[in-house]
């Protein structure tokens, strides 16, 4: 694999980040929605909310992740672990894939009250890109706080 991002042989714009994958690369752009500010290359945080309902239903933080697997990955495969940091006694989470799983390749499972995983439940036979939105609702001391993980998953052909 040649790292096109490292040697500069990619065609990503200045507004995009080059992400190397097996045999190729992707140009990714990370924008924060309105009412969010970028706090790092891969993270947006909500600036404020106007009422209790909005505070409960919109994510306090949106974080982007990139994962790369080959088509011969053995399923079921835990590909992403999520939970609050730090976790406290009494915490409880609910995980939901809110978009990007229309073909049903992925699912979520709780490992315990405060840790969950996203797993690949069906073999992906051909190279394919996914963008999963995984929402974690954290129940802590009587209120829910929502976090959103936007996970780019690149399935590439395996090398023979």
Protein backbone atom coordinates (compact mmCIF):
# COMPACT_ATOMS: atom_id res chain seq x y z
CA UNK A 1 0.00 0.00 0.00
CA UNK A 2 1.26 3.45 -0.96
CA UNK A 3 0.22 6.19 1.45
CA UNK A 4 -0.98 8.84 -1.02
CA UNK A 5 -1.77 11.16 1.90
CA UNK A 6 1.80 11.05 3.25
CA UNK A 7 3.53 11.52 -0.13
CA UNK A 8 1.06 14.14 -1.36
CA UNK A 9 -0.14 12.30 -4.48
CA UNK A 10 -3.81 12.79 -3.60
CA UNK A 11 -6.28 15.29 -5.07
CA UNK A 12 -8.03 16.36 -1.86
CA UNK A 13 -8.86 20.05 -1.57
CA UNK A 14 -7.45 22.27 1.17
CA UNK A 15 -10.80 21.97 2.99
CA UNK A 16 -10.61 18.16 3.02
CA UNK A 17 -8.55 15.68 5.02
CA UNK A 18 -6.81 12.87 3.15
CA UNK A 19 -7.39 9.45 4.73
CA UNK A 20 -5.26 6.52 3.54
CA UNK A 21 -6.95 3.17 2.96
CA UNK A 22 -5.59 -0.11 1.60
CA UNK A 23 -4.79 0.51 -2.08
CA UNK A 24 -6.25 4.01 -2.24
CA UNK A 25 -7.35 7.06 -0.24
CA UNK A 26 -10.48 9.08 0.56
CA UNK A 27 -10.96 12.83 0.79
CA UNK A 28 -13.07 13.58 3.85
CA UNK A 29 -14.51 16.86 5.00
CA UNK A 30 -15.58 17.45 8.57
CA UNK A 31 -18.02 20.29 9.07
CA UNK A 32 -19.91 21.15 12.21
CA UNK A 33 -23.66 21.76 11.93
CA UNK A 34 -25.01 25.17 12.91
CA UNK A 35 -25.09 25.70 16.67
CA UNK A 36 -21.87 23.62 16.98
CA UNK A 37 -18.25 24.68 17.07
CA UNK A 38 -15.21 22.68 15.99
CA UNK A 39 -13.08 21.89 19.05
CA UNK A 40 -10.59 19.61 17.27
CA UNK A 41 -10.05 18.15 13.80
CA UNK A 42 -12.60 15.42 14.46
CA UNK A 43 -14.94 16.86 17.10
CA UNK A 44 -17.78 19.36 17.28
CA UNK A 45 -19.44 20.53 20.48
CA UNK A 46 -22.86 22.10 20.86
CA UNK A 47 -22.70 25.82 21.63
CA UNK A 48 -26.02 25.93 23.45
CA UNK A 49 -29.61 24.77 23.40
CA UNK A 50 -32.78 26.76 23.77
CA UNK A 51 -34.98 24.46 25.83
CA UNK A 52 -34.91 21.25 27.83
CA UNK A 53 -36.27 19.13 24.97
CA UNK A 54 -33.61 20.33 22.55
CA UNK A 55 -30.90 19.74 25.15
CA UNK A 56 -32.16 16.15 25.60
CA UNK A 57 -32.52 15.34 21.89
CA UNK A 58 -29.55 16.99 20.18
CA UNK A 59 -26.02 15.66 20.68
CA UNK A 60 -23.80 17.58 23.08
CA UNK A 61 -20.82 16.31 21.02
CA UNK A 62 -20.34 14.95 17.50
CA UNK A 63 -17.12 12.99 16.90
CA UNK A 64 -15.86 11.61 13.59
CA UNK A 65 -14.01 8.32 13.31
CA UNK A 66 -12.48 6.40 10.39
CA UNK A 67 -12.10 2.62 10.26
CA UNK A 68 -10.65 0.46 7.50
CA UNK A 69 -11.28 -3.29 7.12
CA UNK A 70 -10.83 -5.83 4.36
CA UNK A 71 -13.64 -7.82 2.74
CA UNK A 72 -12.44 -11.06 4.37
CA UNK A 73 -13.05 -9.84 7.94
CA UNK A 74 -14.60 -12.65 10.02
CA UNK A 75 -18.11 -11.85 11.25
CA UNK A 76 -19.48 -11.12 13.74
CA UNK A 77 -16.71 -8.58 14.38
CA UNK A 78 -16.72 -5.90 17.06
CA UNK A 79 -15.45 -2.88 15.14
CA UNK A 80 -16.14 0.04 17.49
CA UNK A 81 -16.49 0.40 21.25
CA UNK A 82 -18.33 3.33 22.79
CA UNK A 83 -19.06 4.56 26.30
CA UNK A 84 -18.72 7.61 28.51
CA UNK A 85 -15.33 8.59 29.84
CA UNK A 86 -15.20 8.63 32.77
CA UNK A 87 -18.05 6.25 33.59
CA UNK A 88 -19.77 6.44 36.97
CA UNK A 89 -21.78 3.96 39.01
CA UNK A 90 -25.40 4.28 37.93
CA UNK A 91 -24.59 5.29 34.35
CA UNK A 92 -26.56 3.56 31.65
CA UNK A 93 -26.36 3.91 27.87
CA UNK A 94 -28.65 3.26 24.92
CA UNK A 95 -27.00 2.82 21.50
CA UNK A 96 -28.82 3.37 18.22
CA UNK A 97 -27.58 3.39 14.64
CA UNK A 98 -29.58 6.33 13.31
CA UNK A 99 -28.36 6.28 9.70
CA UNK A 100 -26.06 4.49 7.27
CA UNK A 101 -27.20 0.94 8.03
CA UNK A 102 -29.98 0.64 5.47
CA UNK A 103 -28.62 -2.72 4.25
CA UNK A 104 -28.33 -4.13 7.78
CA UNK A 105 -24.60 -4.93 7.80
CA UNK A 106 -24.12 -3.49 11.30
CA UNK A 107 -25.71 -3.79 14.71
CA UNK A 108 -25.08 -2.58 18.26
CA UNK A 109 -24.90 -4.39 21.57
CA UNK A 110 -24.40 -3.36 25.16
CA UNK A 111 -21.50 -5.10 26.90
CA UNK A 112 -22.55 -3.66 30.26
CA UNK A 113 -24.52 -0.67 31.59
CA UNK A 114 -22.00 1.87 30.27
CA UNK A 115 -20.16 0.20 27.37
CA UNK A 116 -21.47 -0.79 23.98
CA UNK A 117 -20.11 -1.99 20.67
CA UNK A 118 -20.94 -1.59 17.02
CA UNK A 119 -20.37 -4.84 15.20
CA UNK A 120 -20.32 -6.06 11.64
CA UNK A 121 -22.95 -8.80 11.57
CA UNK A 122 -22.92 -9.69 7.86
CA UNK A 123 -20.02 -10.24 5.49
CA UNK A 124 -19.37 -7.36 3.09
CA UNK A 125 -18.37 -9.20 -0.11
CA UNK A 126 -17.31 -6.21 -2.23
CA UNK A 127 -15.33 -3.08 -1.36
CA UNK A 128 -17.78 -0.51 0.00
CA UNK A 129 -17.82 2.74 1.99
CA UNK A 130 -20.24 3.40 4.83
CA UNK A 131 -20.99 6.42 7.00
CA UNK A 132 -22.74 5.24 10.16
CA UNK A 133 -24.33 7.64 12.61
CA UNK A 134 -24.28 5.98 16.03
CA UNK A 135 -26.11 7.77 18.80
CA UNK A 136 -25.28 7.10 22.42
CA UNK A 137 -27.79 8.31 24.98
CA UNK A 138 -26.20 8.44 28.41
CA UNK A 139 -28.52 8.23 31.41
CA UNK A 140 -26.71 9.85 34.32
CA UNK A 141 -28.25 11.17 37.53
CA UNK A 142 -31.76 11.44 36.11
CA UNK A 143 -31.08 13.03 32.73
CA UNK A 144 -30.17 11.88 29.24
CA UNK A 145 -27.22 13.36 27.37
CA UNK A 146 -26.84 12.48 23.70
CA UNK A 147 -23.52 11.93 21.89
CA UNK A 148 -23.12 11.21 18.18
CA UNK A 149 -20.33 9.17 16.60
CA UNK A 150 -20.09 9.58 12.81
CA UNK A 151 -18.09 6.54 11.74
CA UNK A 152 -16.63 6.26 8.25
CA UNK A 153 -16.08 2.58 7.51
CA UNK A 154 -14.07 1.66 4.43
CA UNK A 155 -14.19 -1.98 3.40
CA UNK A 156 -11.39 -2.64 0.93
CA UNK A 157 -10.49 -5.69 -1.14
CA UNK A 158 -8.22 -8.05 0.77
CA UNK A 159 -4.73 -8.64 -0.57
CA UNK A 160 -4.11 -12.17 -1.79
